[in-house]
Amino acid sequence: MEAHGQTGDVALAISTSGQSPNVLEAVRVARERGLVTIGLLGRDGGKLAGRVDVPVVVASEVTARIQETHIAILHVLCERIDEALFPEKG
């Protein structure tokens, strides 16, 4: 985050528990640097839910279900970004 994050960038934080210390620290630095922060989180969102601009919480206690849902969300997000950047391919 410190090496590459710039104002106007988007940081995507992924944590099944929402409590991962390294992800919490990355979000703290991202926000200091003016990045928009999105969290893909599980369970109740943990601490990260209140520290990101856009929390996307998969309300499950089952780690595998949370991770599977995160993967599906990431596939859709990548597809939408691709469509926005390269509309002629659609």
PDB file of N, CA and C in Angstrom:
ATOM      1  N   MET A   1       0.828  -1.178   0.000  1.00  0.00           N
ATOM      2  CA  MET A   1       0.000   0.000   0.000  1.00  0.00           C
ATOM      3  C   MET A   1       0.879   1.252   0.000  1.00  0.00           C
ATOM      4  N   GLU A   2       1.888   1.241   0.839  1.00  0.00           N
ATOM      5  CA  GLU A   2       2.749   2.411   0.947  1.00  0.00           C
ATOM      6  C   GLU A   2       3.532   2.654  -0.336  1.00  0.00           C
ATOM      7  N   ALA A   3       3.913   1.587  -1.026  1.00  0.00           N
ATOM      8  CA  ALA A   3       4.732   1.733  -2.224  1.00  0.00           C
ATOM      9  C   ALA A   3       3.922   2.168  -3.442  1.00  0.00           C
ATOM     10  N   HIS A   4       2.671   1.729  -3.548  1.00  0.00           N
ATOM     11  CA  HIS A   4       1.932   1.953  -4.797  1.00  0.00           C
ATOM     12  C   HIS A   4       0.618   2.704  -4.656  1.00  0.00           C
ATOM     13  N   GLY A   5       0.016   2.729  -3.468  1.00  0.00           N
ATOM     14  CA  GLY A   5      -1.298   3.347  -3.312  1.00  0.00           C
ATOM     15  C   GLY A   5      -1.243   4.853  -3.462  1.00  0.00           C
ATOM     16  N   GLN A   6      -2.151   5.388  -4.302  1.00  0.00           N
ATOM     17  CA  GLN A   6      -2.222   6.824  -4.536  1.00  0.00           C
ATOM     18  C   GLN A   6      -3.659   7.308  -4.399  1.00  0.00           C
ATOM     19  N   THR A   7      -3.806   8.567  -4.053  1.00  0.00           N
ATOM     20  CA  THR A   7      -5.131   9.164  -3.957  1.00  0.00           C
ATOM     21  C   THR A   7      -5.911   8.876  -5.236  1.00  0.00           C
ATOM     22  N   GLY A   8      -7.151   8.438  -5.062  1.00  0.00           N
ATOM     23  CA  GLY A   8      -7.996   8.128  -6.205  1.00  0.00           C
ATOM     24  C   GLY A   8      -8.014   6.657  -6.565  1.00  0.00           C
ATOM     25  N   ASP A   9      -7.038   5.890  -6.066  1.00  0.00           N
ATOM     26  CA  ASP A   9      -7.028   4.442  -6.283  1.00  0.00           C
ATOM     27  C   ASP A   9      -8.100   3.794  -5.413  1.00  0.00           C
ATOM     28  N   VAL A  10      -8.370   2.534  -5.699  1.00  0.00           N
ATOM     29  CA  VAL A  10      -9.296   1.748  -4.898  1.00  0.00           C
ATOM     30  C   VAL A  10      -8.515   0.577  -4.295  1.00  0.00           C
ATOM     31  N   ALA A  11      -8.647   0.384  -3.001  1.00  0.00           N
ATOM     32  CA  ALA A  11      -8.028  -0.746  -2.324  1.00  0.00           C
ATOM     33  C   ALA A  11      -9.123  -1.745  -1.967  1.00  0.00           C
ATOM     34  N   LEU A  12      -8.906  -2.989  -2.348  1.00  0.00           N
ATOM     35  CA  LEU A  12      -9.854  -4.049  -2.048  1.00  0.00           C
ATOM     36  C   LEU A  12      -9.264  -4.924  -0.947  1.00  0.00           C
ATOM     37  N   ALA A  13      -9.900  -4.920   0.209  1.00  0.00           N
ATOM     38  CA  ALA A  13      -9.441  -5.694   1.359  1.00  0.00           C
ATOM     39  C   ALA A  13     -10.304  -6.948   1.467  1.00  0.00           C
ATOM     40  N   ILE A  14      -9.654  -8.104   1.597  1.00  0.00           N
ATOM     41  CA  ILE A  14     -10.382  -9.368   1.672  1.00  0.00           C
ATOM     42  C   ILE A  14     -10.020 -10.064   2.973  1.00  0.00           C
ATOM     43  N   SER A  15     -11.038 -10.364   3.788  1.00  0.00           N
ATOM     44  CA  SER A  15     -10.810 -11.036   5.055  1.00  0.00           C
ATOM     45  C   SER A  15     -12.053 -11.822   5.445  1.00  0.00           C
ATOM     46  N   THR A  16     -11.891 -13.110   5.627  1.00  0.00           N
ATOM     47  CA  THR A  16     -13.013 -13.957   6.032  1.00  0.00           C
ATOM     48  C   THR A  16     -13.573 -13.525   7.382  1.00  0.00           C
ATOM     49  N   SER A  17     -12.688 -13.137   8.298  1.00  0.00           N
ATOM     50  CA  SER A  17     -13.122 -12.761   9.645  1.00  0.00           C
ATOM     51  C   SER A  17     -13.366 -11.265   9.805  1.00  0.00           C
ATOM     52  N   GLY A  18     -12.724 -10.467   8.975  1.00  0.00           N
ATOM     53  CA  GLY A  18     -12.771  -9.017   9.167  1.00  0.00           C
ATOM     54  C   GLY A  18     -11.861  -8.557  10.291  1.00  0.00           C
ATOM     55  N   GLN A  19     -11.007  -9.438  10.763  1.00  0.00           N
ATOM     56  CA  GLN A  19     -10.141  -9.142  11.911  1.00  0.00           C
ATOM     57  C   GLN A  19      -8.651  -9.249  11.587  1.00  0.00           C
ATOM     58  N   SER A  20      -8.288  -9.584  10.367  1.00  0.00           N
ATOM     59  CA  SER A  20      -6.894  -9.844  10.008  1.00  0.00           C
ATOM     60  C   SER A  20      -6.026  -8.606  10.247  1.00  0.00           C
ATOM     61  N   PRO A  21      -5.051  -8.698  11.151  1.00  0.00           N
ATOM     62  CA  PRO A  21      -4.238  -7.525  11.493  1.00  0.00           C
ATOM     63  C   PRO A  21      -3.535  -6.895  10.297  1.00  0.00           C
ATOM     64  N   ASN A  22      -3.000  -7.713   9.388  1.00  0.00           N
ATOM     65  CA  ASN A  22      -2.296  -7.144   8.241  1.00  0.00           C
ATOM     66  C   ASN A  22      -3.252  -6.412   7.301  1.00  0.00           C
ATOM     67  N   VAL A  23      -4.475  -6.906   7.172  1.00  0.00           N
ATOM     68  CA  VAL A  23      -5.456  -6.248   6.311  1.00  0.00           C
ATOM     69  C   VAL A  23      -5.959  -4.971   6.978  1.00  0.00           C
ATOM     70  N   LEU A  24      -6.168  -5.007   8.278  1.00  0.00           N
ATOM     71  CA  LEU A  24      -6.554  -3.795   9.010  1.00  0.00           C
ATOM     72  C   LEU A  24      -5.497  -2.709   8.835  1.00  0.00           C
ATOM     73  N   GLU A  25      -4.233  -3.083   8.921  1.00  0.00           N
ATOM     74  CA  GLU A  25      -3.147  -2.112   8.757  1.00  0.00           C
ATOM     75  C   GLU A  25      -3.104  -1.572   7.329  1.00  0.00           C
ATOM     76  N   ALA A  26      -3.290  -2.444   6.350  1.00  0.00           N
ATOM     77  CA  ALA A  26      -3.297  -1.993   4.953  1.00  0.00           C
ATOM     78  C   ALA A  26      -4.430  -1.002   4.703  1.00  0.00           C
ATOM     79  N   VAL A  27      -5.599  -1.256   5.279  1.00  0.00           N
ATOM     80  CA  VAL A  27      -6.735  -0.338   5.120  1.00  0.00           C
ATOM     81  C   VAL A  27      -6.444   0.994   5.812  1.00  0.00           C
ATOM     82  N   ARG A  28      -5.815   0.942   6.956  1.00  0.00           N
ATOM     83  CA  ARG A  28      -5.451   2.185   7.651  1.00  0.00           C
ATOM     84  C   ARG A  28      -4.536   3.036   6.767  1.00  0.00           C
ATOM     85  N   VAL A  29      -3.528   2.414   6.188  1.00  0.00           N
ATOM     86  CA  VAL A  29      -2.596   3.136   5.320  1.00  0.00           C
ATOM     87  C   VAL A  29      -3.307   3.632   4.063  1.00  0.00           C
ATOM     88  N   ALA A  30      -4.155   2.793   3.487  1.00  0.00           N
ATOM     89  CA  ALA A  30      -4.892   3.183   2.288  1.00  0.00           C
ATOM     90  C   ALA A  30      -5.739   4.422   2.542  1.00  0.00           C
ATOM     91  N   ARG A  31      -6.432   4.440   3.644  1.00  0.00           N
ATOM     92  CA  ARG A  31      -7.288   5.592   3.955  1.00  0.00           C
ATOM     93  C   ARG A  31      -6.444   6.847   4.201  1.00  0.00           C
ATOM     94  N   GLU A  32      -5.304   6.682   4.874  1.00  0.00           N
ATOM     95  CA  GLU A  32      -4.396   7.820   5.080  1.00  0.00           C
ATOM     96  C   GLU A  32      -3.937   8.413   3.756  1.00  0.00           C
ATOM     97  N   ARG A  33      -3.752   7.557   2.764  1.00  0.00           N
ATOM     98  CA  ARG A  33      -3.247   7.981   1.462  1.00  0.00           C
ATOM     99  C   ARG A  33      -4.363   8.443   0.519  1.00  0.00           C
ATOM    100  N   GLY A  34      -5.608   8.392   0.972  1.00  0.00           N
ATOM    101  CA  GLY A  34      -6.715   8.896   0.165  1.00  0.00           C
ATOM    102  C   GLY A  34      -7.327   7.895  -0.793  1.00  0.00           C
ATOM    103  N   LEU A  35      -7.101   6.605  -0.546  1.00  0.00           N
ATOM    104  CA  LEU A  35      -7.707   5.593  -1.397  1.00  0.00           C
ATOM    105  C   LEU A  35      -9.133   5.314  -0.954  1.00  0.00           C
ATOM    106  N   VAL A  36      -9.969   4.928  -1.884  1.00  0.00           N
ATOM    107  CA  VAL A  36     -11.299   4.417  -1.573  1.00  0.00           C
ATOM    108  C   VAL A  36     -11.101   2.965  -1.158  1.00  0.00           C
ATOM    109  N   THR A  37     -11.762   2.534  -0.093  1.00  0.00           N
ATOM    110  CA  THR A  37     -11.561   1.180   0.398  1.00  0.00           C
ATOM    111  C   THR A  37     -12.858   0.374   0.336  1.00  0.00           C
ATOM    112  N   ILE A  38     -12.718  -0.841  -0.172  1.00  0.00           N
ATOM    113  CA  ILE A  38     -13.825  -1.789  -0.251  1.00  0.00           C
ATOM    114  C   ILE A  38     -13.389  -3.031   0.509  1.00  0.00           C
ATOM    115  N   GLY A  39     -14.265  -3.579   1.328  1.00  0.00           N
ATOM    116  CA  GLY A  39     -13.942  -4.791   2.077  1.00  0.00           C
ATOM    117  C   GLY A  39     -14.831  -5.943   1.681  1.00  0.00           C
ATOM    118  N   LEU A  40     -14.225  -7.060   1.261  1.00  0.00           N
ATOM    119  CA  LEU A  40     -14.952  -8.318   1.099  1.00  0.00           C
ATOM    120  C   LEU A  40     -14.744  -9.068   2.394  1.00  0.00           C
ATOM    121  N   LEU A  41     -15.808  -9.195   3.161  1.00  0.00           N
ATOM    122  CA  LEU A  41     -15.707  -9.675   4.532  1.00  0.00           C
ATOM    123  C   LEU A  41     -16.675 -10.819   4.777  1.00  0.00           C
ATOM    124  N   GLY A  42     -16.463 -11.505   5.880  1.00  0.00           N
ATOM    125  CA  GLY A  42     -17.362 -12.589   6.265  1.00  0.00           C
ATOM    126  C   GLY A  42     -17.873 -12.394   7.672  1.00  0.00           C
ATOM    127  N   ARG A  43     -18.686 -13.351   8.095  1.00  0.00           N
ATOM    128  CA  ARG A  43     -19.292 -13.361   9.423  1.00  0.00           C
ATOM    129  C   ARG A  43     -20.076 -12.061   9.657  1.00  0.00           C
ATOM    130  N   ASP A  44     -19.682 -11.250  10.648  1.00  0.00           N
ATOM    131  CA  ASP A  44     -20.367  -9.968  10.883  1.00  0.00           C
ATOM    132  C   ASP A  44     -19.561  -8.789  10.338  1.00  0.00           C
ATOM    133  N   GLY A  45     -18.503  -9.070   9.619  1.00  0.00           N
ATOM    134  CA  GLY A  45     -17.667  -8.020   9.041  1.00  0.00           C
ATOM    135  C   GLY A  45     -16.491  -7.634   9.908  1.00  0.00           C
ATOM    136  N   GLY A  46     -16.549  -7.983  11.186  1.00  0.00           N
ATOM    137  CA  GLY A  46     -15.452  -7.690  12.100  1.00  0.00           C
ATOM    138  C   GLY A  46     -15.101  -6.211  12.154  1.00  0.00           C
ATOM    139  N   LYS A  47     -13.895  -5.940  12.586  1.00  0.00           N
ATOM    140  CA  LYS A  47     -13.422  -4.557  12.702  1.00  0.00           C
ATOM    141  C   LYS A  47     -13.364  -3.860  11.348  1.00  0.00           C
ATOM    142  N   LEU A  48     -13.062  -4.631  10.294  1.00  0.00           N
ATOM    143  CA  LEU A  48     -12.915  -4.022   8.975  1.00  0.00           C
ATOM    144  C   LEU A  48     -14.205  -3.387   8.468  1.00  0.00           C
ATOM    145  N   ALA A  49     -15.345  -3.933   8.848  1.00  0.00           N
ATOM    146  CA  ALA A  49     -16.622  -3.411   8.348  1.00  0.00           C
ATOM    147  C   ALA A  49     -16.776  -1.925   8.641  1.00  0.00           C
ATOM    148  N   GLY A  50     -16.297  -1.503   9.794  1.00  0.00           N
ATOM    149  CA  GLY A  50     -16.404  -0.097  10.161  1.00  0.00           C
ATOM    150  C   GLY A  50     -15.239   0.762   9.708  1.00  0.00           C
ATOM    151  N   ARG A  51     -14.270   0.143   9.036  1.00  0.00           N
ATOM    152  CA  ARG A  51     -13.066   0.883   8.645  1.00  0.00           C
ATOM    153  C   ARG A  51     -12.895   1.025   7.140  1.00  0.00           C
ATOM    154  N   VAL A  52     -13.788   0.400   6.375  1.00  0.00           N
ATOM    155  CA  VAL A  52     -13.736   0.546   4.922  1.00  0.00           C
ATOM    156  C   VAL A  52     -14.888   1.428   4.465  1.00  0.00           C
ATOM    157  N   ASP A  53     -14.741   2.004   3.276  1.00  0.00           N
ATOM    158  CA  ASP A  53     -15.803   2.855   2.739  1.00  0.00           C
ATOM    159  C   ASP A  53     -17.012   2.029   2.319  1.00  0.00           C
ATOM    160  N   VAL A  54     -16.749   0.862   1.734  1.00  0.00           N
ATOM    161  CA  VAL A  54     -17.831   0.004   1.258  1.00  0.00           C
ATOM    162  C   VAL A  54     -17.612  -1.408   1.783  1.00  0.00           C
ATOM    163  N   PRO A  55     -18.320  -1.793   2.845  1.00  0.00           N
ATOM    164  CA  PRO A  55     -18.197  -3.176   3.322  1.00  0.00           C
ATOM    165  C   PRO A  55     -19.178  -4.087   2.577  1.00  0.00           C
ATOM    166  N   VAL A  56     -18.667  -5.197   2.066  1.00  0.00           N
ATOM    167  CA  VAL A  56     -19.501  -6.221   1.438  1.00  0.00           C
ATOM    168  C   VAL A  56     -19.344  -7.455   2.325  1.00  0.00           C
ATOM    169  N   VAL A  57     -20.369  -7.721   3.126  1.00  0.00           N
ATOM    170  CA  VAL A  57     -20.277  -8.756   4.150  1.00  0.00           C
ATOM    171  C   VAL A  57     -21.074  -9.991   3.741  1.00  0.00           C
ATOM    172  N   VAL A  58     -20.389 -11.131   3.721  1.00  0.00           N
ATOM    173  CA  VAL A  58     -21.040 -12.418   3.507  1.00  0.00           C
ATOM    174  C   VAL A  58     -21.376 -12.950   4.896  1.00  0.00           C
ATOM    175  N   ALA A  59     -22.640 -12.860   5.259  1.00  0.00           N
ATOM    176  CA  ALA A  59     -23.076 -13.177   6.622  1.00  0.00           C
ATOM    177  C   ALA A  59     -23.214 -14.685   6.806  1.00  0.00           C
ATOM    178  N   SER A  60     -22.069 -15.332   6.926  1.00  0.00           N
ATOM    179  CA  SER A  60     -22.033 -16.770   7.167  1.00  0.00           C
ATOM    180  C   SER A  60     -20.937 -17.051   8.174  1.00  0.00           C
ATOM    181  N   GLU A  61     -21.073 -18.116   8.903  1.00  0.00           N
ATOM    182  CA  GLU A  61     -20.041 -18.559   9.837  1.00  0.00           C
ATOM    183  C   GLU A  61     -19.155 -19.645   9.219  1.00  0.00           C
ATOM    184  N   VAL A  62     -19.487 -20.062   8.010  1.00  0.00           N
ATOM    185  CA  VAL A  62     -18.774 -21.152   7.343  1.00  0.00           C
ATOM    186  C   VAL A  62     -17.710 -20.552   6.419  1.00  0.00           C
ATOM    187  N   THR A  63     -16.454 -20.748   6.777  1.00  0.00           N
ATOM    188  CA  THR A  63     -15.348 -20.147   6.027  1.00  0.00           C
ATOM    189  C   THR A  63     -15.398 -20.496   4.544  1.00  0.00           C
ATOM    190  N   ALA A  64     -15.650 -21.750   4.224  1.00  0.00           N
ATOM    191  CA  ALA A  64     -15.695 -22.161   2.818  1.00  0.00           C
ATOM    192  C   ALA A  64     -16.781 -21.413   2.048  1.00  0.00           C
ATOM    193  N   ARG A  65     -17.958 -21.223   2.655  1.00  0.00           N
ATOM    194  CA  ARG A  65     -19.037 -20.494   1.968  1.00  0.00           C
ATOM    195  C   ARG A  65     -18.652 -19.027   1.764  1.00  0.00           C
ATOM    196  N   ILE A  66     -18.022 -18.434   2.764  1.00  0.00           N
ATOM    197  CA  ILE A  66     -17.585 -17.036   2.654  1.00  0.00           C
ATOM    198  C   ILE A  66     -16.597 -16.903   1.501  1.00  0.00           C
ATOM    199  N   GLN A  67     -15.611 -17.787   1.454  1.00  0.00           N
ATOM    200  CA  GLN A  67     -14.590 -17.707   0.414  1.00  0.00           C
ATOM    201  C   GLN A  67     -15.167 -17.982  -0.972  1.00  0.00           C
ATOM    202  N   GLU A  68     -16.079 -18.939  -1.081  1.00  0.00           N
ATOM    203  CA  GLU A  68     -16.734 -19.209  -2.360  1.00  0.00           C
ATOM    204  C   GLU A  68     -17.515 -17.994  -2.840  1.00  0.00           C
ATOM    205  N   THR A  69     -18.204 -17.338  -1.931  1.00  0.00           N
ATOM    206  CA  THR A  69     -18.975 -16.150  -2.289  1.00  0.00           C
ATOM    207  C   THR A  69     -18.046 -15.005  -2.681  1.00  0.00           C
ATOM    208  N   HIS A  70     -16.941 -14.848  -1.956  1.00  0.00           N
ATOM    209  CA  HIS A  70     -15.954 -13.826  -2.322  1.00  0.00           C
ATOM    210  C   HIS A  70     -15.443 -14.060  -3.742  1.00  0.00           C
ATOM    211  N   ILE A  71     -15.173 -15.320  -4.079  1.00  0.00           N
ATOM    212  CA  ILE A  71     -14.687 -15.636  -5.428  1.00  0.00           C
ATOM    213  C   ILE A  71     -15.720 -15.244  -6.476  1.00  0.00           C
ATOM    214  N   ALA A  72     -16.982 -15.552  -6.232  1.00  0.00           N
ATOM    215  CA  ALA A  72     -18.044 -15.189  -7.180  1.00  0.00           C
ATOM    216  C   ALA A  72     -18.131 -13.671  -7.332  1.00  0.00           C
ATOM    217  N   ILE A  73     -18.057 -12.952  -6.229  1.00  0.00           N
ATOM    218  CA  ILE A  73     -18.095 -11.484  -6.269  1.00  0.00           C
ATOM    219  C   ILE A  73     -16.912 -10.950  -7.065  1.00  0.00           C
ATOM    220  N   LEU A  74     -15.731 -11.512  -6.846  1.00  0.00           N
ATOM    221  CA  LEU A  74     -14.534 -11.070  -7.571  1.00  0.00           C
ATOM    222  C   LEU A  74     -14.661 -11.328  -9.076  1.00  0.00           C
ATOM    223  N   HIS A  75     -15.244 -12.458  -9.463  1.00  0.00           N
ATOM    224  CA  HIS A  75     -15.448 -12.740 -10.886  1.00  0.00           C
ATOM    225  C   HIS A  75     -16.365 -11.702 -11.521  1.00  0.00           C
ATOM    226  N   VAL A  76     -17.446 -11.364 -10.845  1.00  0.00           N
ATOM    227  CA  VAL A  76     -18.380 -10.364 -11.357  1.00  0.00           C
ATOM    228  C   VAL A  76     -17.697  -8.997 -11.423  1.00  0.00           C
ATOM    229  N   LEU A  77     -16.973  -8.633 -10.392  1.00  0.00           N
ATOM    230  CA  LEU A  77     -16.259  -7.355 -10.364  1.00  0.00           C
ATOM    231  C   LEU A  77     -15.266  -7.265 -11.519  1.00  0.00           C
ATOM    232  N   CYS A  78     -14.492  -8.306 -11.736  1.00  0.00           N
ATOM    233  CA  CYS A  78     -13.524  -8.306 -12.840  1.00  0.00           C
ATOM    234  C   CYS A  78     -14.223  -8.187 -14.192  1.00  0.00           C
ATOM    235  N   GLU A  79     -15.335  -8.873 -14.347  1.00  0.00           N
ATOM    236  CA  GLU A  79     -16.086  -8.792 -15.599  1.00  0.00           C
ATOM    237  C   GLU A  79     -16.592  -7.373 -15.849  1.00  0.00           C
ATOM    238  N   ARG A  80     -17.127  -6.756 -14.812  1.00  0.00           N
ATOM    239  CA  ARG A  80     -17.648  -5.378 -14.962  1.00  0.00           C
ATOM    240  C   ARG A  80     -16.521  -4.378 -15.264  1.00  0.00           C
ATOM    241  N   ILE A  81     -15.382  -4.554 -14.628  1.00  0.00           N
ATOM    242  CA  ILE A  81     -14.235  -3.679 -14.909  1.00  0.00           C
ATOM    243  C   ILE A  81     -13.785  -3.870 -16.347  1.00  0.00           C
ATOM    244  N   ASP A  82     -13.693  -5.113 -16.779  1.00  0.00           N
ATOM    245  CA  ASP A  82     -13.297  -5.420 -18.148  1.00  0.00           C
ATOM    246  C   ASP A  82     -14.265  -4.774 -19.144  1.00  0.00           C
ATOM    247  N   GLU A  83     -15.566  -4.877 -18.884  1.00  0.00           N
ATOM    248  CA  GLU A  83     -16.570  -4.269 -19.758  1.00  0.00           C
ATOM    249  C   GLU A  83     -16.433  -2.754 -19.801  1.00  0.00           C
ATOM    250  N   ALA A  84     -16.111  -2.142 -18.648  1.00  0.00           N
ATOM    251  CA  ALA A  84     -15.964  -0.685 -18.592  1.00  0.00           C
ATOM    252  C   ALA A  84     -14.707  -0.222 -19.330  1.00  0.00           C
ATOM    253  N   LEU A  85     -13.638  -0.990 -19.202  1.00  0.00           N
ATOM    254  CA  LEU A  85     -12.365  -0.592 -19.823  1.00  0.00           C
ATOM    255  C   LEU A  85     -12.305  -0.946 -21.313  1.00  0.00           C
ATOM    256  N   PHE A  86     -12.974  -2.021 -21.691  1.00  0.00           N
ATOM    257  CA  PHE A  86     -12.887  -2.506 -23.066  1.00  0.00           C
ATOM    258  C   PHE A  86     -14.283  -2.804 -23.621  1.00  0.00           C
ATOM    259  N   PRO A  87     -15.118  -1.760 -23.778  1.00  0.00           N
ATOM    260  CA  PRO A  87     -16.509  -1.998 -24.203  1.00  0.00           C
ATOM    261  C   PRO A  87     -16.608  -2.617 -25.590  1.00  0.00           C
ATOM    262  N   GLU A  88     -15.622  -2.424 -26.431  1.00  0.00           N
ATOM    263  CA  GLU A  88     -15.667  -2.969 -27.785  1.00  0.00           C
ATOM    264  C   GLU A  88     -15.581  -4.499 -27.824  1.00  0.00           C
ATOM    265  N   LYS A  89     -15.110  -5.105 -26.734  1.00  0.00           N
ATOM    266  CA  LYS A  89     -15.017  -6.571 -26.668  1.00  0.00           C
ATOM    267  C   LYS A  89     -16.335  -7.210 -26.283  1.00  0.00           C
ATOM    268  N   GLY A  90     -17.292  -6.418 -25.778  1.00  0.00           N
ATOM    269  CA  GLY A  90     -18.565  -6.956 -25.304  1.00  0.00           C
ATOM    270  C   GLY A  90     -19.464  -7.328 -26.399  1.00  0.00           C
TER     271      GLY A  90
END
